[in-house]
Amino acid sequence: MFFFLKEIQKLKGGKKPSLNEQKNDHLTVQWLSTAISELRSELAEVSSNYNTSAEMQQRQELASGLDLLRGDVASFRRDLEELRAEQQQTVVTLGQLKQDVETSIKNSQIASSANAEIKTKFITYAKV
Protein backbone atom coordinates (compact mmCIF):
# COMPACT_ATOMS: atom_id res chain seq x y z
CA MET A 1 0.00 0.00 0.00
CA PHE A 2 2.86 2.33 0.85
CA PHE A 3 4.30 1.70 -2.62
CA PHE A 4 1.15 2.98 -4.29
CA LEU A 5 1.04 6.12 -2.11
CA LYS A 6 4.65 6.81 -3.01
CA GLU A 7 3.84 6.42 -6.71
CA ILE A 8 0.85 8.76 -6.44
CA GLN A 9 3.01 11.39 -4.73
CA LYS A 10 5.65 11.06 -7.47
CA LEU A 11 3.04 11.51 -10.19
CA LYS A 12 1.54 14.53 -8.46
CA GLY A 13 4.95 16.10 -8.02
CA GLY A 14 5.52 16.00 -11.74
CA LYS A 15 8.79 14.21 -11.27
CA LYS A 16 9.55 11.91 -14.18
CA PRO A 17 10.53 8.40 -13.05
CA SER A 18 14.03 7.26 -13.89
CA LEU A 19 14.74 4.50 -16.41
CA ASN A 20 15.51 2.14 -13.56
CA GLU A 21 12.19 2.95 -11.86
CA GLN A 22 10.37 2.43 -15.16
CA LYS A 23 11.96 -1.01 -15.56
CA ASN A 24 11.07 -1.85 -11.95
CA ASP A 25 7.51 -0.68 -12.51
CA HIS A 26 7.29 -2.70 -15.72
CA LEU A 27 8.62 -5.82 -13.96
CA THR A 28 6.21 -5.24 -11.07
CA VAL A 29 3.27 -5.02 -13.49
CA GLN A 30 4.41 -8.21 -15.24
CA TRP A 31 4.79 -9.97 -11.89
CA LEU A 32 1.33 -8.81 -10.78
CA SER A 33 -0.15 -9.94 -14.09
CA THR A 34 1.46 -13.37 -13.73
CA ALA A 35 0.35 -13.63 -10.09
CA ILE A 36 -3.23 -12.74 -11.05
CA SER A 37 -3.20 -15.32 -13.86
CA GLU A 38 -1.93 -17.98 -11.46
CA LEU A 39 -4.58 -17.06 -8.90
CA ARG A 40 -7.26 -17.30 -11.58
CA SER A 41 -5.97 -20.74 -12.57
CA GLU A 42 -5.93 -21.93 -8.98
CA LEU A 43 -9.40 -20.53 -8.42
CA ALA A 44 -10.67 -22.36 -11.51
CA GLU A 45 -9.03 -25.58 -10.27
CA VAL A 46 -10.54 -25.20 -6.79
CA SER A 47 -13.93 -24.49 -8.34
CA SER A 48 -13.59 -27.53 -10.57
CA ASN A 49 -12.58 -29.71 -7.63
CA TYR A 50 -15.50 -28.40 -5.59
CA ASN A 51 -17.91 -29.13 -8.44
CA THR A 52 -16.42 -32.61 -8.85
CA SER A 53 -16.67 -33.21 -5.11
CA ALA A 54 -20.30 -32.05 -5.04
CA GLU A 55 -21.06 -34.23 -8.05
CA MET A 56 -19.43 -37.25 -6.40
CA GLN A 57 -21.44 -36.66 -3.23
CA GLN A 58 -24.64 -36.38 -5.25
CA ARG A 59 -23.80 -39.59 -7.10
CA GLN A 60 -23.17 -41.38 -3.80
CA GLU A 61 -26.49 -40.13 -2.44
CA LEU A 62 -28.28 -41.28 -5.59
CA ALA A 63 -26.54 -44.67 -5.45
CA SER A 64 -27.53 -45.04 -1.81
CA GLY A 65 -31.14 -44.14 -2.62
CA LEU A 66 -31.10 -46.58 -5.52
CA ASP A 67 -29.81 -49.34 -3.24
CA LEU A 68 -32.64 -48.63 -0.80
CA LEU A 69 -35.17 -48.78 -3.63
CA ARG A 70 -33.72 -52.07 -4.85
CA GLY A 71 -34.02 -53.48 -1.34
CA ASP A 72 -37.62 -52.31 -1.13
CA VAL A 73 -38.45 -53.86 -4.50
CA ALA A 74 -36.87 -57.17 -3.44
CA SER A 75 -38.88 -57.07 -0.21
CA PHE A 76 -42.10 -56.33 -2.11
CA ARG A 77 -41.39 -59.23 -4.46
CA ARG A 78 -40.92 -61.61 -1.52
CA ASP A 79 -44.14 -60.33 0.05
CA LEU A 80 -45.96 -60.78 -3.26
CA GLU A 81 -44.71 -64.37 -3.60
CA GLU A 82 -45.84 -65.10 -0.04
CA LEU A 83 -49.27 -63.63 -0.78
CA ARG A 84 -49.54 -65.70 -3.96
CA ALA A 85 -48.65 -68.87 -2.03
CA GLU A 86 -51.23 -67.99 0.65
CA GLN A 87 -53.82 -67.33 -2.06
CA GLN A 88 -53.15 -70.71 -3.66
CA GLN A 89 -53.48 -72.40 -0.28
CA THR A 90 -56.73 -70.51 0.33
CA VAL A 91 -58.08 -71.63 -3.06
CA VAL A 92 -57.21 -75.26 -2.24
CA THR A 93 -58.80 -74.97 1.21
CA LEU A 94 -61.94 -73.38 -0.25
CA GLY A 95 -62.16 -76.19 -2.81
CA GLN A 96 -61.95 -78.77 -0.02
CA LEU A 97 -64.55 -76.90 2.04
CA LYS A 98 -66.86 -76.74 -0.97
CA GLN A 99 -66.53 -80.50 -1.45
CA ASP A 100 -67.15 -81.05 2.27
CA VAL A 101 -70.28 -78.85 2.15
CA GLU A 102 -71.58 -80.67 -0.94
CA THR A 103 -70.92 -84.03 0.74
CA SER A 104 -72.64 -82.81 3.91
CA ILE A 105 -75.65 -81.63 1.90
CA LYS A 106 -75.89 -85.01 0.14
CA ASN A 107 -75.53 -86.84 3.46
CA SER A 108 -78.13 -84.54 5.00
CA GLN A 109 -80.51 -85.26 2.11
CA ILE A 110 -79.91 -89.01 2.48
CA ALA A 111 -80.46 -88.74 6.23
CA SER A 112 -83.58 -86.66 5.66
CA SER A 113 -84.92 -89.24 3.20
CA ALA A 114 -84.11 -92.05 5.62
CA ASN A 115 -85.74 -90.12 8.42
CA ALA A 116 -88.86 -89.54 6.32
CA GLU A 117 -88.94 -93.24 5.46
CA ILE A 118 -88.57 -94.21 9.11
CA LYS A 119 -91.29 -91.71 10.05
CA THR A 120 -93.61 -93.17 7.44
CA LYS A 121 -92.92 -96.72 8.69
CA PHE A 122 -93.43 -95.62 12.26
CA ILE A 123 -96.75 -94.00 11.44
CA THR A 124 -97.75 -97.11 9.50
CA TYR A 125 -96.82 -99.45 12.37
CA ALA A 126 -98.45 -97.16 14.88
CA LYS A 127 -101.78 -97.52 13.06
CA VAL A 128 -101.66 -101.25 13.02
C-alpha atoms as a PDB file:
ATOM      1  CA  MET A   1       0.000   0.000   0.000  1.00  0.00           C
ATOM      2  CA  PHE A   2       2.861   2.331   0.853  1.00  0.00           C
ATOM      3  CA  PHE A   3       4.304   1.704  -2.619  1.00  0.00           C
ATOM      4  CA  PHE A   4       1.146   2.984  -4.288  1.00  0.00           C
ATOM      5  CA  LEU A   5       1.042   6.118  -2.111  1.00  0.00           C
ATOM      6  CA  LYS A   6       4.648   6.808  -3.007  1.00  0.00           C
ATOM      7  CA  GLU A   7       3.845   6.418  -6.708  1.00  0.00           C
ATOM      8  CA  ILE A   8       0.854   8.760  -6.440  1.00  0.00           C
ATOM      9  CA  GLN A   9       3.008  11.392  -4.734  1.00  0.00           C
ATOM     10  CA  LYS A  10       5.646  11.057  -7.471  1.00  0.00           C
ATOM     11  CA  LEU A  11       3.038  11.507 -10.185  1.00  0.00           C
ATOM     12  CA  LYS A  12       1.536  14.532  -8.459  1.00  0.00           C
ATOM     13  CA  GLY A  13       4.950  16.099  -8.018  1.00  0.00           C
ATOM     14  CA  GLY A  14       5.520  16.003 -11.738  1.00  0.00           C
ATOM     15  CA  LYS A  15       8.795  14.208 -11.272  1.00  0.00           C
ATOM     16  CA  LYS A  16       9.548  11.911 -14.180  1.00  0.00           C
ATOM     17  CA  PRO A  17      10.534   8.400 -13.051  1.00  0.00           C
ATOM     18  CA  SER A  18      14.028   7.262 -13.892  1.00  0.00           C
ATOM     19  CA  LEU A  19      14.741   4.505 -16.407  1.00  0.00           C
ATOM     20  CA  ASN A  20      15.513   2.142 -13.555  1.00  0.00           C
ATOM     21  CA  GLU A  21      12.190   2.953 -11.863  1.00  0.00           C
ATOM     22  CA  GLN A  22      10.373   2.431 -15.156  1.00  0.00           C
ATOM     23  CA  LYS A  23      11.961  -1.007 -15.559  1.00  0.00           C
ATOM     24  CA  ASN A  24      11.069  -1.850 -11.947  1.00  0.00           C
ATOM     25  CA  ASP A  25       7.506  -0.680 -12.511  1.00  0.00           C
ATOM     26  CA  HIS A  26       7.286  -2.703 -15.715  1.00  0.00           C
ATOM     27  CA  LEU A  27       8.625  -5.823 -13.961  1.00  0.00           C
ATOM     28  CA  THR A  28       6.210  -5.241 -11.074  1.00  0.00           C
ATOM     29  CA  VAL A  29       3.269  -5.019 -13.489  1.00  0.00           C
ATOM     30  CA  GLN A  30       4.409  -8.210 -15.238  1.00  0.00           C
ATOM     31  CA  TRP A  31       4.789  -9.966 -11.891  1.00  0.00           C
ATOM     32  CA  LEU A  32       1.334  -8.812 -10.784  1.00  0.00           C
ATOM     33  CA  SER A  33      -0.149  -9.939 -14.094  1.00  0.00           C
ATOM     34  CA  THR A  34       1.465 -13.367 -13.733  1.00  0.00           C
ATOM     35  CA  ALA A  35       0.350 -13.635 -10.094  1.00  0.00           C
ATOM     36  CA  ILE A  36      -3.231 -12.735 -11.051  1.00  0.00           C
ATOM     37  CA  SER A  37      -3.202 -15.319 -13.863  1.00  0.00           C
ATOM     38  CA  GLU A  38      -1.926 -17.985 -11.465  1.00  0.00           C
ATOM     39  CA  LEU A  39      -4.575 -17.058  -8.901  1.00  0.00           C
ATOM     40  CA  ARG A  40      -7.265 -17.297 -11.580  1.00  0.00           C
ATOM     41  CA  SER A  41      -5.966 -20.738 -12.569  1.00  0.00           C
ATOM     42  CA  GLU A  42      -5.930 -21.929  -8.978  1.00  0.00           C
ATOM     43  CA  LEU A  43      -9.404 -20.526  -8.419  1.00  0.00           C
ATOM     44  CA  ALA A  44     -10.673 -22.360 -11.513  1.00  0.00           C
ATOM     45  CA  GLU A  45      -9.034 -25.578 -10.270  1.00  0.00           C
ATOM     46  CA  VAL A  46     -10.537 -25.202  -6.788  1.00  0.00           C
ATOM     47  CA  SER A  47     -13.926 -24.490  -8.336  1.00  0.00           C
ATOM     48  CA  SER A  48     -13.593 -27.533 -10.575  1.00  0.00           C
ATOM     49  CA  ASN A  49     -12.582 -29.715  -7.628  1.00  0.00           C
ATOM     50  CA  TYR A  50     -15.496 -28.404  -5.589  1.00  0.00           C
ATOM     51  CA  ASN A  51     -17.914 -29.131  -8.441  1.00  0.00           C
ATOM     52  CA  THR A  52     -16.421 -32.612  -8.849  1.00  0.00           C
ATOM     53  CA  SER A  53     -16.672 -33.206  -5.110  1.00  0.00           C
ATOM     54  CA  ALA A  54     -20.296 -32.047  -5.037  1.00  0.00           C
ATOM     55  CA  GLU A  55     -21.061 -34.231  -8.051  1.00  0.00           C
ATOM     56  CA  MET A  56     -19.427 -37.250  -6.400  1.00  0.00           C
ATOM     57  CA  GLN A  57     -21.440 -36.657  -3.230  1.00  0.00           C
ATOM     58  CA  GLN A  58     -24.638 -36.377  -5.253  1.00  0.00           C
ATOM     59  CA  ARG A  59     -23.801 -39.593  -7.099  1.00  0.00           C
ATOM     60  CA  GLN A  60     -23.167 -41.376  -3.805  1.00  0.00           C
ATOM     61  CA  GLU A  61     -26.490 -40.131  -2.437  1.00  0.00           C
ATOM     62  CA  LEU A  62     -28.277 -41.285  -5.592  1.00  0.00           C
ATOM     63  CA  ALA A  63     -26.535 -44.668  -5.453  1.00  0.00           C
ATOM     64  CA  SER A  64     -27.533 -45.041  -1.806  1.00  0.00           C
ATOM     65  CA  GLY A  65     -31.138 -44.139  -2.623  1.00  0.00           C
ATOM     66  CA  LEU A  66     -31.096 -46.577  -5.521  1.00  0.00           C
ATOM     67  CA  ASP A  67     -29.805 -49.345  -3.240  1.00  0.00           C
ATOM     68  CA  LEU A  68     -32.637 -48.627  -0.802  1.00  0.00           C
ATOM     69  CA  LEU A  69     -35.173 -48.784  -3.626  1.00  0.00           C
ATOM     70  CA  ARG A  70     -33.722 -52.071  -4.853  1.00  0.00           C
ATOM     71  CA  GLY A  71     -34.019 -53.478  -1.340  1.00  0.00           C
ATOM     72  CA  ASP A  72     -37.624 -52.307  -1.125  1.00  0.00           C
ATOM     73  CA  VAL A  73     -38.452 -53.860  -4.502  1.00  0.00           C
ATOM     74  CA  ALA A  74     -36.871 -57.166  -3.445  1.00  0.00           C
ATOM     75  CA  SER A  75     -38.877 -57.075  -0.207  1.00  0.00           C
ATOM     76  CA  PHE A  76     -42.098 -56.328  -2.111  1.00  0.00           C
ATOM     77  CA  ARG A  77     -41.394 -59.226  -4.460  1.00  0.00           C
ATOM     78  CA  ARG A  78     -40.925 -61.606  -1.522  1.00  0.00           C
ATOM     79  CA  ASP A  79     -44.137 -60.326   0.049  1.00  0.00           C
ATOM     80  CA  LEU A  80     -45.957 -60.781  -3.262  1.00  0.00           C
ATOM     81  CA  GLU A  81     -44.711 -64.374  -3.599  1.00  0.00           C
ATOM     82  CA  GLU A  82     -45.835 -65.101  -0.035  1.00  0.00           C
ATOM     83  CA  LEU A  83     -49.269 -63.633  -0.784  1.00  0.00           C
ATOM     84  CA  ARG A  84     -49.538 -65.701  -3.957  1.00  0.00           C
ATOM     85  CA  ALA A  85     -48.650 -68.865  -2.028  1.00  0.00           C
ATOM     86  CA  GLU A  86     -51.229 -67.988   0.649  1.00  0.00           C
ATOM     87  CA  GLN A  87     -53.820 -67.326  -2.058  1.00  0.00           C
ATOM     88  CA  GLN A  88     -53.152 -70.710  -3.664  1.00  0.00           C
ATOM     89  CA  GLN A  89     -53.479 -72.400  -0.283  1.00  0.00           C
ATOM     90  CA  THR A  90     -56.732 -70.511   0.330  1.00  0.00           C
ATOM     91  CA  VAL A  91     -58.083 -71.625  -3.062  1.00  0.00           C
ATOM     92  CA  VAL A  92     -57.211 -75.260  -2.243  1.00  0.00           C
ATOM     93  CA  THR A  93     -58.796 -74.966   1.211  1.00  0.00           C
ATOM     94  CA  LEU A  94     -61.942 -73.376  -0.248  1.00  0.00           C
ATOM     95  CA  GLY A  95     -62.161 -76.193  -2.811  1.00  0.00           C
ATOM     96  CA  GLN A  96     -61.954 -78.774  -0.021  1.00  0.00           C
ATOM     97  CA  LEU A  97     -64.549 -76.899   2.039  1.00  0.00           C
ATOM     98  CA  LYS A  98     -66.863 -76.738  -0.975  1.00  0.00           C
ATOM     99  CA  GLN A  99     -66.533 -80.505  -1.446  1.00  0.00           C
ATOM    100  CA  ASP A 100     -67.153 -81.048   2.271  1.00  0.00           C
ATOM    101  CA  VAL A 101     -70.279 -78.850   2.155  1.00  0.00           C
ATOM    102  CA  GLU A 102     -71.581 -80.672  -0.936  1.00  0.00           C
ATOM    103  CA  THR A 103     -70.917 -84.027   0.739  1.00  0.00           C
ATOM    104  CA  SER A 104     -72.638 -82.814   3.909  1.00  0.00           C
ATOM    105  CA  ILE A 105     -75.649 -81.631   1.898  1.00  0.00           C
ATOM    106  CA  LYS A 106     -75.887 -85.010   0.143  1.00  0.00           C
ATOM    107  CA  ASN A 107     -75.531 -86.842   3.464  1.00  0.00           C
ATOM    108  CA  SER A 108     -78.129 -84.543   4.997  1.00  0.00           C
ATOM    109  CA  GLN A 109     -80.510 -85.263   2.106  1.00  0.00           C
ATOM    110  CA  ILE A 110     -79.907 -89.006   2.480  1.00  0.00           C
ATOM    111  CA  ALA A 111     -80.460 -88.744   6.229  1.00  0.00           C
ATOM    112  CA  SER A 112     -83.578 -86.658   5.665  1.00  0.00           C
ATOM    113  CA  SER A 113     -84.919 -89.237   3.202  1.00  0.00           C
ATOM    114  CA  ALA A 114     -84.106 -92.050   5.619  1.00  0.00           C
ATOM    115  CA  ASN A 115     -85.741 -90.117   8.423  1.00  0.00           C
ATOM    116  CA  ALA A 116     -88.864 -89.538   6.319  1.00  0.00           C
ATOM    117  CA  GLU A 117     -88.937 -93.241   5.457  1.00  0.00           C
ATOM    118  CA  ILE A 118     -88.575 -94.206   9.114  1.00  0.00           C
ATOM    119  CA  LYS A 119     -91.288 -91.713  10.047  1.00  0.00           C
ATOM    120  CA  THR A 120     -93.610 -93.172   7.440  1.00  0.00           C
ATOM    121  CA  LYS A 121     -92.923 -96.716   8.686  1.00  0.00           C
ATOM    122  CA  PHE A 122     -93.429 -95.618  12.264  1.00  0.00           C
ATOM    123  CA  ILE A 123     -96.755 -94.004  11.437  1.00  0.00           C
ATOM    124  CA  THR A 124     -97.752 -97.115   9.497  1.00  0.00           C
ATOM    125  CA  TYR A 125     -96.823 -99.453  12.374  1.00  0.00           C
ATOM    126  CA  ALA A 126     -98.453 -97.161  14.880  1.00  0.00           C
ATOM    127  CA  LYS A 127    -101.775 -97.516  13.061  1.00  0.00           C
ATOM    128  CA  VAL A 128    -101.662-101.252  13.025  1.00  0.00           C
END
